[in-house]
């Protein structure tokens, strides 16, 4: 078994792309209120988003929950928003 550590930002990105809620890293970066290369730059530099970027992403995920989505998808989104809150409080 191969263990690949991932950051919270990467887990959220993979969930959104995997569920066809976003199409690209550029779109994800925009959800964080940043330039289109923000997420890729963070990944390359092994850094976390700024508190403001986390807040923007949490807000975007909250708006996404207002869409007609499956209950399980909304539950995961709620958990991700809570995870963002814990990440910012570190």
PDB file of N, CA and C in Angstrom:
ATOM      1  N   UNK A   1       0.842  -1.173   0.000  1.00  0.00           N
ATOM      2  CA  UNK A   1       0.000   0.000   0.000  1.00  0.00           C
ATOM      3  C   UNK A   1       0.891   1.242   0.000  1.00  0.00           C
ATOM      4  N   UNK A   2       0.530   2.206  -0.804  1.00  0.00           N
ATOM      5  CA  UNK A   2       1.263   3.464  -0.869  1.00  0.00           C
ATOM      6  C   UNK A   2       0.507   4.501  -0.061  1.00  0.00           C
ATOM      7  N   UNK A   3       1.225   5.169   0.824  1.00  0.00           N
ATOM      8  CA  UNK A   3       0.619   6.221   1.641  1.00  0.00           C
ATOM      9  C   UNK A   3       1.006   7.567   1.049  1.00  0.00           C
ATOM     10  N   UNK A   4       0.015   8.327   0.701  1.00  0.00           N
ATOM     11  CA  UNK A   4       0.262   9.653   0.141  1.00  0.00           C
ATOM     12  C   UNK A   4      -0.362  10.695   1.059  1.00  0.00           C
ATOM     13  N   UNK A   5       0.455  11.384   1.843  1.00  0.00           N
ATOM     14  CA  UNK A   5      -0.113  12.405   2.724  1.00  0.00           C
ATOM     15  C   UNK A   5      -0.684  13.565   1.907  1.00  0.00           C
ATOM     16  N   UNK A   6      -1.825  14.034   2.318  1.00  0.00           N
ATOM     17  CA  UNK A   6      -2.429  15.159   1.623  1.00  0.00           C
ATOM     18  C   UNK A   6      -2.804  16.229   2.639  1.00  0.00           C
ATOM     19  N   UNK A   7      -2.867  17.426   2.150  1.00  0.00           N
ATOM     20  CA  UNK A   7      -3.283  18.542   2.997  1.00  0.00           C
ATOM     21  C   UNK A   7      -4.798  18.662   2.932  1.00  0.00           C
ATOM     22  N   UNK A   8      -5.344  19.429   3.834  1.00  0.00           N
ATOM     23  CA  UNK A   8      -6.780  19.683   3.814  1.00  0.00           C
ATOM     24  C   UNK A   8      -7.172  20.360   2.502  1.00  0.00           C
ATOM     25  N   UNK A   9      -6.375  21.314   2.061  1.00  0.00           N
ATOM     26  CA  UNK A   9      -6.686  22.009   0.807  1.00  0.00           C
ATOM     27  C   UNK A   9      -6.736  21.030  -0.363  1.00  0.00           C
ATOM     28  N   UNK A  10      -5.822  20.073  -0.400  1.00  0.00           N
ATOM     29  CA  UNK A  10      -5.827  19.078  -1.478  1.00  0.00           C
ATOM     30  C   UNK A  10      -7.021  18.135  -1.366  1.00  0.00           C
ATOM     31  N   UNK A  11      -7.360  17.740  -0.141  1.00  0.00           N
ATOM     32  CA  UNK A  11      -8.532  16.862   0.042  1.00  0.00           C
ATOM     33  C   UNK A  11      -9.798  17.547  -0.445  1.00  0.00           C
ATOM     34  N   UNK A  12      -9.942  18.824  -0.104  1.00  0.00           N
ATOM     35  CA  UNK A  12     -11.125  19.569  -0.533  1.00  0.00           C
ATOM     36  C   UNK A  12     -11.134  19.676  -2.061  1.00  0.00           C
ATOM     37  N   UNK A  13      -9.985  20.011  -2.634  1.00  0.00           N
ATOM     38  CA  UNK A  13      -9.885  20.125  -4.093  1.00  0.00           C
ATOM     39  C   UNK A  13     -10.266  18.813  -4.770  1.00  0.00           C
ATOM     40  N   UNK A  14      -9.706  17.716  -4.294  1.00  0.00           N
ATOM     41  CA  UNK A  14     -10.002  16.407  -4.902  1.00  0.00           C
ATOM     42  C   UNK A  14     -11.480  16.045  -4.780  1.00  0.00           C
ATOM     43  N   UNK A  15     -12.081  16.372  -3.638  1.00  0.00           N
ATOM     44  CA  UNK A  15     -13.508  16.107  -3.468  1.00  0.00           C
ATOM     45  C   UNK A  15     -14.334  16.910  -4.469  1.00  0.00           C
ATOM     46  N   UNK A  16     -14.027  18.182  -4.594  1.00  0.00           N
ATOM     47  CA  UNK A  16     -14.789  19.042  -5.498  1.00  0.00           C
ATOM     48  C   UNK A  16     -14.641  18.609  -6.953  1.00  0.00           C
ATOM     49  N   UNK A  17     -13.416  18.296  -7.368  1.00  0.00           N
ATOM     50  CA  UNK A  17     -13.191  17.846  -8.740  1.00  0.00           C
ATOM     51  C   UNK A  17     -13.830  16.476  -8.957  1.00  0.00           C
ATOM     52  N   UNK A  18     -13.641  15.581  -8.003  1.00  0.00           N
ATOM     53  CA  UNK A  18     -14.185  14.225  -8.117  1.00  0.00           C
ATOM     54  C   UNK A  18     -15.696  14.177  -8.200  1.00  0.00           C
ATOM     55  N   UNK A  19     -16.346  15.179  -7.659  1.00  0.00           N
ATOM     56  CA  UNK A  19     -17.808  15.238  -7.690  1.00  0.00           C
ATOM     57  C   UNK A  19     -18.325  16.250  -8.701  1.00  0.00           C
ATOM     58  N   UNK A  20     -17.444  16.665  -9.597  1.00  0.00           N
ATOM     59  CA  UNK A  20     -17.786  17.581 -10.690  1.00  0.00           C
ATOM     60  C   UNK A  20     -18.411  18.891 -10.197  1.00  0.00           C
ATOM     61  N   UNK A  21     -17.923  19.370  -9.045  1.00  0.00           N
ATOM     62  CA  UNK A  21     -18.414  20.631  -8.517  1.00  0.00           C
ATOM     63  C   UNK A  21     -17.548  21.794  -8.987  1.00  0.00           C
ATOM     64  N   UNK A  22     -16.310  21.490  -9.343  1.00  0.00           N
ATOM     65  CA  UNK A  22     -15.417  22.441 -10.007  1.00  0.00           C
ATOM     66  C   UNK A  22     -14.667  21.677 -11.094  1.00  0.00           C
ATOM     67  N   UNK A  23     -14.032  22.433 -12.002  1.00  0.00           N
ATOM     68  CA  UNK A  23     -13.342  21.783 -13.115  1.00  0.00           C
ATOM     69  C   UNK A  23     -11.835  21.879 -13.065  1.00  0.00           C
ATOM     70  N   UNK A  24     -11.293  22.842 -12.310  1.00  0.00           N
ATOM     71  CA  UNK A  24      -9.850  23.046 -12.398  1.00  0.00           C
ATOM     72  C   UNK A  24      -9.282  23.653 -11.124  1.00  0.00           C
ATOM     73  N   UNK A  25      -7.968  23.579 -11.035  1.00  0.00           N
ATOM     74  CA  UNK A  25      -7.256  24.199  -9.932  1.00  0.00           C
ATOM     75  C   UNK A  25      -7.424  25.719  -9.973  1.00  0.00           C
ATOM     76  N   UNK A  26      -7.510  26.264 -11.173  1.00  0.00           N
ATOM     77  CA  UNK A  26      -7.710  27.712 -11.314  1.00  0.00           C
ATOM     78  C   UNK A  26      -9.049  28.128 -10.718  1.00  0.00           C
ATOM     79  N   UNK A  27     -10.084  27.351 -10.973  1.00  0.00           N
ATOM     80  CA  UNK A  27     -11.408  27.644 -10.415  1.00  0.00           C
ATOM     81  C   UNK A  27     -11.368  27.550  -8.888  1.00  0.00           C
ATOM     82  N   UNK A  28     -10.688  26.532  -8.391  1.00  0.00           N
ATOM     83  CA  UNK A  28     -10.546  26.350  -6.941  1.00  0.00           C
ATOM     84  C   UNK A  28      -9.830  27.555  -6.320  1.00  0.00           C
ATOM     85  N   UNK A  29      -8.773  28.010  -6.971  1.00  0.00           N
ATOM     86  CA  UNK A  29      -8.047  29.182  -6.484  1.00  0.00           C
ATOM     87  C   UNK A  29      -8.950  30.404  -6.436  1.00  0.00           C
ATOM     88  N   UNK A  30      -9.789  30.550  -7.433  1.00  0.00           N
ATOM     89  CA  UNK A  30     -10.734  31.674  -7.460  1.00  0.00           C
ATOM     90  C   UNK A  30     -11.727  31.580  -6.305  1.00  0.00           C
ATOM     91  N   UNK A  31     -12.127  30.352  -5.948  1.00  0.00           N
ATOM     92  CA  UNK A  31     -13.018  30.171  -4.805  1.00  0.00           C
ATOM     93  C   UNK A  31     -12.354  30.652  -3.527  1.00  0.00           C
ATOM     94  N   UNK A  32     -11.040  30.593  -3.487  1.00  0.00           N
ATOM     95  CA  UNK A  32     -10.292  31.085  -2.327  1.00  0.00           C
ATOM     96  C   UNK A  32     -10.065  32.593  -2.418  1.00  0.00           C
ATOM     97  N   UNK A  33     -10.549  33.199  -3.491  1.00  0.00           N
ATOM     98  CA  UNK A  33     -10.394  34.637  -3.653  1.00  0.00           C
ATOM     99  C   UNK A  33      -8.996  35.040  -4.077  1.00  0.00           C
ATOM    100  N   UNK A  34      -8.305  34.146  -4.755  1.00  0.00           N
ATOM    101  CA  UNK A  34      -6.925  34.384  -5.140  1.00  0.00           C
ATOM    102  C   UNK A  34      -6.745  34.219  -6.649  1.00  0.00           C
ATOM    103  N   UNK A  35      -5.512  34.440  -7.096  1.00  0.00           N
ATOM    104  CA  UNK A  35      -5.212  34.293  -8.520  1.00  0.00           C
ATOM    105  C   UNK A  35      -5.345  32.830  -8.934  1.00  0.00           C
ATOM    106  N   UNK A  36      -5.454  32.622 -10.220  1.00  0.00           N
ATOM    107  CA  UNK A  36      -5.709  31.273 -10.734  1.00  0.00           C
ATOM    108  C   UNK A  36      -4.591  30.277 -10.439  1.00  0.00           C
ATOM    109  N   UNK A  37      -3.405  30.742 -10.099  1.00  0.00           N
ATOM    110  CA  UNK A  37      -2.278  29.841  -9.835  1.00  0.00           C
ATOM    111  C   UNK A  37      -2.040  29.597  -8.339  1.00  0.00           C
ATOM    112  N   UNK A  38      -2.886  30.168  -7.496  1.00  0.00           N
ATOM    113  CA  UNK A  38      -2.666  30.119  -6.041  1.00  0.00           C
ATOM    114  C   UNK A  38      -2.545  28.691  -5.516  1.00  0.00           C
ATOM    115  N   UNK A  39      -3.500  27.836  -5.837  1.00  0.00           N
ATOM    116  CA  UNK A  39      -3.490  26.474  -5.302  1.00  0.00           C
ATOM    117  C   UNK A  39      -2.259  25.705  -5.772  1.00  0.00           C
ATOM    118  N   UNK A  40      -1.927  25.797  -7.036  1.00  0.00           N
ATOM    119  CA  UNK A  40      -0.746  25.097  -7.538  1.00  0.00           C
ATOM    120  C   UNK A  40       0.531  25.604  -6.871  1.00  0.00           C
ATOM    121  N   UNK A  41       0.614  26.900  -6.652  1.00  0.00           N
ATOM    122  CA  UNK A  41       1.788  27.469  -5.984  1.00  0.00           C
ATOM    123  C   UNK A  41       1.901  26.947  -4.557  1.00  0.00           C
ATOM    124  N   UNK A  42       0.774  26.899  -3.845  1.00  0.00           N
ATOM    125  CA  UNK A  42       0.782  26.358  -2.482  1.00  0.00           C
ATOM    126  C   UNK A  42       1.278  24.918  -2.479  1.00  0.00           C
ATOM    127  N   UNK A  43       0.791  24.121  -3.403  1.00  0.00           N
ATOM    128  CA  UNK A  43       1.192  22.707  -3.474  1.00  0.00           C
ATOM    129  C   UNK A  43       2.689  22.586  -3.746  1.00  0.00           C
ATOM    130  N   UNK A  44       3.200  23.364  -4.658  1.00  0.00           N
ATOM    131  CA  UNK A  44       4.623  23.292  -4.994  1.00  0.00           C
ATOM    132  C   UNK A  44       5.509  23.738  -3.843  1.00  0.00           C
ATOM    133  N   UNK A  45       5.037  24.694  -3.067  1.00  0.00           N
ATOM    134  CA  UNK A  45       5.823  25.231  -1.959  1.00  0.00           C
ATOM    135  C   UNK A  45       5.504  24.559  -0.622  1.00  0.00           C
ATOM    136  N   UNK A  46       4.597  23.566  -0.638  1.00  0.00           N
ATOM    137  CA  UNK A  46       4.194  22.839   0.582  1.00  0.00           C
ATOM    138  C   UNK A  46       3.715  23.807   1.663  1.00  0.00           C
ATOM    139  N   UNK A  47       2.818  24.702   1.259  1.00  0.00           N
ATOM    140  CA  UNK A  47       2.275  25.705   2.176  1.00  0.00           C
ATOM    141  C   UNK A  47       0.765  25.560   2.269  1.00  0.00           C
ATOM    142  N   UNK A  48       0.201  26.166   3.295  1.00  0.00           N
ATOM    143  CA  UNK A  48      -1.245  26.188   3.493  1.00  0.00           C
ATOM    144  C   UNK A  48      -1.809  27.525   3.050  1.00  0.00           C
ATOM    145  N   UNK A  49      -3.088  27.541   2.706  1.00  0.00           N
ATOM    146  CA  UNK A  49      -3.724  28.810   2.349  1.00  0.00           C
ATOM    147  C   UNK A  49      -3.705  29.788   3.531  1.00  0.00           C
ATOM    148  N   UNK A  50      -3.800  31.058   3.206  1.00  0.00           N
ATOM    149  CA  UNK A  50      -3.863  32.087   4.247  1.00  0.00           C
ATOM    150  C   UNK A  50      -5.216  31.992   4.954  1.00  0.00           C
ATOM    151  N   UNK A  51      -5.322  32.542   6.165  1.00  0.00           N
ATOM    152  CA  UNK A  51      -6.616  32.525   6.857  1.00  0.00           C
ATOM    153  C   UNK A  51      -7.729  33.171   6.018  1.00  0.00           C
ATOM    154  N   UNK A  52      -7.412  34.236   5.302  1.00  0.00           N
ATOM    155  CA  UNK A  52      -8.419  34.889   4.456  1.00  0.00           C
ATOM    156  C   UNK A  52      -8.851  33.964   3.315  1.00  0.00           C
ATOM    157  N   UNK A  53      -7.898  33.249   2.726  1.00  0.00           N
ATOM    158  CA  UNK A  53      -8.232  32.311   1.648  1.00  0.00           C
ATOM    159  C   UNK A  53      -9.103  31.174   2.183  1.00  0.00           C
ATOM    160  N   UNK A  54      -8.780  30.678   3.383  1.00  0.00           N
ATOM    161  CA  UNK A  54      -9.616  29.646   4.001  1.00  0.00           C
ATOM    162  C   UNK A  54     -11.042  30.168   4.210  1.00  0.00           C
ATOM    163  N   UNK A  55     -11.156  31.387   4.707  1.00  0.00           N
ATOM    164  CA  UNK A  55     -12.479  31.971   4.953  1.00  0.00           C
ATOM    165  C   UNK A  55     -13.267  32.095   3.653  1.00  0.00           C
ATOM    166  N   UNK A  56     -12.599  32.538   2.596  1.00  0.00           N
ATOM    167  CA  UNK A  56     -13.267  32.650   1.291  1.00  0.00           C
ATOM    168  C   UNK A  56     -13.729  31.280   0.803  1.00  0.00           C
ATOM    169  N   UNK A  57     -12.884  30.268   0.988  1.00  0.00           N
ATOM    170  CA  UNK A  57     -13.249  28.921   0.557  1.00  0.00           C
ATOM    171  C   UNK A  57     -14.433  28.390   1.369  1.00  0.00           C
ATOM    172  N   UNK A  58     -14.414  28.611   2.673  1.00  0.00           N
ATOM    173  CA  UNK A  58     -15.532  28.163   3.521  1.00  0.00           C
ATOM    174  C   UNK A  58     -16.836  28.830   3.089  1.00  0.00           C
ATOM    175  N   UNK A  59     -16.764  30.108   2.764  1.00  0.00           N
ATOM    176  CA  UNK A  59     -17.948  30.822   2.279  1.00  0.00           C
ATOM    177  C   UNK A  59     -18.439  30.227   0.967  1.00  0.00           C
ATOM    178  N   UNK A  60     -17.515  29.938   0.054  1.00  0.00           N
ATOM    179  CA  UNK A  60     -17.890  29.344  -1.233  1.00  0.00           C
ATOM    180  C   UNK A  60     -18.523  27.970  -1.040  1.00  0.00           C
ATOM    181  N   UNK A  61     -17.974  27.182  -0.126  1.00  0.00           N
ATOM    182  CA  UNK A  61     -18.554  25.864   0.151  1.00  0.00           C
ATOM    183  C   UNK A  61     -19.942  26.004   0.766  1.00  0.00           C
ATOM    184  N   UNK A  62     -20.120  27.025   1.609  1.00  0.00           N
ATOM    185  CA  UNK A  62     -21.441  27.288   2.188  1.00  0.00           C
ATOM    186  C   UNK A  62     -22.460  27.634   1.116  1.00  0.00           C
ATOM    187  N   UNK A  63     -22.059  28.430   0.145  1.00  0.00           N
ATOM    188  CA  UNK A  63     -22.957  28.763  -0.972  1.00  0.00           C
ATOM    189  C   UNK A  63     -23.258  27.520  -1.802  1.00  0.00           C
ATOM    190  N   UNK A  64     -22.268  26.669  -1.943  1.00  0.00           N
ATOM    191  CA  UNK A  64     -22.460  25.433  -2.694  1.00  0.00           C
ATOM    192  C   UNK A  64     -23.509  24.548  -2.023  1.00  0.00           C
ATOM    193  N   UNK A  65     -23.555  24.583  -0.706  1.00  0.00           N
ATOM    194  CA  UNK A  65     -24.534  23.772   0.029  1.00  0.00           C
ATOM    195  C   UNK A  65     -25.966  24.239  -0.208  1.00  0.00           C
ATOM    196  N   UNK A  66     -26.135  25.454  -0.723  1.00  0.00           N
ATOM    197  CA  UNK A  66     -27.475  25.959  -1.010  1.00  0.00           C
ATOM    198  C   UNK A  66     -28.031  25.375  -2.306  1.00  0.00           C
ATOM    199  N   UNK A  67     -27.178  24.759  -3.096  1.00  0.00           N
ATOM    200  CA  UNK A  67     -27.618  24.117  -4.339  1.00  0.00           C
ATOM    201  C   UNK A  67     -28.350  22.819  -4.032  1.00  0.00           C
ATOM    202  N   UNK A  68     -29.128  22.349  -4.984  1.00  0.00           N
ATOM    203  CA  UNK A  68     -29.780  21.048  -4.789  1.00  0.00           C
ATOM    204  C   UNK A  68     -28.758  19.914  -4.987  1.00  0.00           C
ATOM    205  N   UNK A  69     -28.170  19.470  -3.891  1.00  0.00           N
ATOM    206  CA  UNK A  69     -27.187  18.384  -3.909  1.00  0.00           C
ATOM    207  C   UNK A  69     -27.698  17.227  -3.066  1.00  0.00           C
ATOM    208  N   UNK A  70     -27.089  16.074  -3.261  1.00  0.00           N
ATOM    209  CA  UNK A  70     -27.461  14.921  -2.445  1.00  0.00           C
ATOM    210  C   UNK A  70     -27.112  15.179  -0.983  1.00  0.00           C
ATOM    211  N   UNK A  71     -27.862  14.564  -0.118  1.00  0.00           N
ATOM    212  CA  UNK A  71     -27.677  14.755   1.320  1.00  0.00           C
ATOM    213  C   UNK A  71     -26.254  14.381   1.750  1.00  0.00           C
ATOM    214  N   UNK A  72     -25.716  13.285   1.195  1.00  0.00           N
ATOM    215  CA  UNK A  72     -24.356  12.863   1.559  1.00  0.00           C
ATOM    216  C   UNK A  72     -23.321  13.900   1.131  1.00  0.00           C
ATOM    217  N   UNK A  73     -23.505  14.488  -0.034  1.00  0.00           N
ATOM    218  CA  UNK A  73     -22.588  15.519  -0.515  1.00  0.00           C
ATOM    219  C   UNK A  73     -22.625  16.723   0.412  1.00  0.00           C
ATOM    220  N   UNK A  74     -23.813  17.123   0.815  1.00  0.00           N
ATOM    221  CA  UNK A  74     -23.945  18.254   1.740  1.00  0.00           C
ATOM    222  C   UNK A  74     -23.312  17.936   3.088  1.00  0.00           C
ATOM    223  N   UNK A  75     -23.417  16.689   3.533  1.00  0.00           N
ATOM    224  CA  UNK A  75     -22.810  16.298   4.807  1.00  0.00           C
ATOM    225  C   UNK A  75     -21.285  16.400   4.723  1.00  0.00           C
ATOM    226  N   UNK A  76     -20.716  15.959   3.614  1.00  0.00           N
ATOM    227  CA  UNK A  76     -19.261  16.062   3.438  1.00  0.00           C
ATOM    228  C   UNK A  76     -18.857  17.528   3.389  1.00  0.00           C
ATOM    229  N   UNK A  77     -19.602  18.345   2.673  1.00  0.00           N
ATOM    230  CA  UNK A  77     -19.287  19.779   2.603  1.00  0.00           C
ATOM    231  C   UNK A  77     -19.325  20.410   3.993  1.00  0.00           C
ATOM    232  N   UNK A  78     -20.316  20.049   4.793  1.00  0.00           N
ATOM    233  CA  UNK A  78     -20.405  20.588   6.162  1.00  0.00           C
ATOM    234  C   UNK A  78     -19.183  20.174   6.974  1.00  0.00           C
ATOM    235  N   UNK A  79     -18.745  18.925   6.811  1.00  0.00           N
ATOM    236  CA  UNK A  79     -17.551  18.462   7.522  1.00  0.00           C
ATOM    237  C   UNK A  79     -16.302  19.197   7.054  1.00  0.00           C
ATOM    238  N   UNK A  80     -16.211  19.460   5.763  1.00  0.00           N
ATOM    239  CA  UNK A  80     -15.057  20.181   5.233  1.00  0.00           C
ATOM    240  C   UNK A  80     -15.018  21.613   5.758  1.00  0.00           C
ATOM    241  N   UNK A  81     -16.174  22.245   5.849  1.00  0.00           N
ATOM    242  CA  UNK A  81     -16.244  23.600   6.408  1.00  0.00           C
ATOM    243  C   UNK A  81     -15.777  23.583   7.870  1.00  0.00           C
ATOM    244  N   UNK A  82     -16.207  22.568   8.619  1.00  0.00           N
ATOM    245  CA  UNK A  82     -15.765  22.437  10.016  1.00  0.00           C
ATOM    246  C   UNK A  82     -14.254  22.200  10.087  1.00  0.00           C
ATOM    247  N   UNK A  83     -13.732  21.384   9.171  1.00  0.00           N
ATOM    248  CA  UNK A  83     -12.281  21.142   9.130  1.00  0.00           C
ATOM    249  C   UNK A  83     -11.516  22.429   8.842  1.00  0.00           C
ATOM    250  N   UNK A  84     -12.055  23.252   7.959  1.00  0.00           N
ATOM    251  CA  UNK A  84     -11.422  24.548   7.672  1.00  0.00           C
ATOM    252  C   UNK A  84     -11.379  25.393   8.950  1.00  0.00           C
ATOM    253  N   UNK A  85     -12.477  25.416   9.684  1.00  0.00           N
ATOM    254  CA  UNK A  85     -12.511  26.170  10.937  1.00  0.00           C
ATOM    255  C   UNK A  85     -11.451  25.693  11.909  1.00  0.00           C
ATOM    256  N   UNK A  86     -11.270  24.378  12.018  1.00  0.00           N
ATOM    257  CA  UNK A  86     -10.238  23.844  12.909  1.00  0.00           C
ATOM    258  C   UNK A  86      -8.841  24.194  12.390  1.00  0.00           C
ATOM    259  N   UNK A  87      -8.658  24.162  11.095  1.00  0.00           N
ATOM    260  CA  UNK A  87      -7.347  24.488  10.490  1.00  0.00           C
ATOM    261  C   UNK A  87      -6.966  25.942  10.762  1.00  0.00           C
ATOM    262  N   UNK A  88      -7.926  26.822  10.650  1.00  0.00           N
ATOM    263  CA  UNK A  88      -7.649  28.242  10.865  1.00  0.00           C
ATOM    264  C   UNK A  88      -7.334  28.521  12.336  1.00  0.00           C
ATOM    265  N   UNK A  89      -7.954  27.756  13.235  1.00  0.00           N
ATOM    266  CA  UNK A  89      -7.742  27.975  14.671  1.00  0.00           C
ATOM    267  C   UNK A  89      -6.434  27.392  15.189  1.00  0.00           C
ATOM    268  N   UNK A  90      -5.700  26.667  14.351  1.00  0.00           N
ATOM    269  CA  UNK A  90      -4.426  26.069  14.799  1.00  0.00           C
ATOM    270  C   UNK A  90      -3.443  27.124  15.180  1.00  0.00           C
TER     271      UNK A  90
END
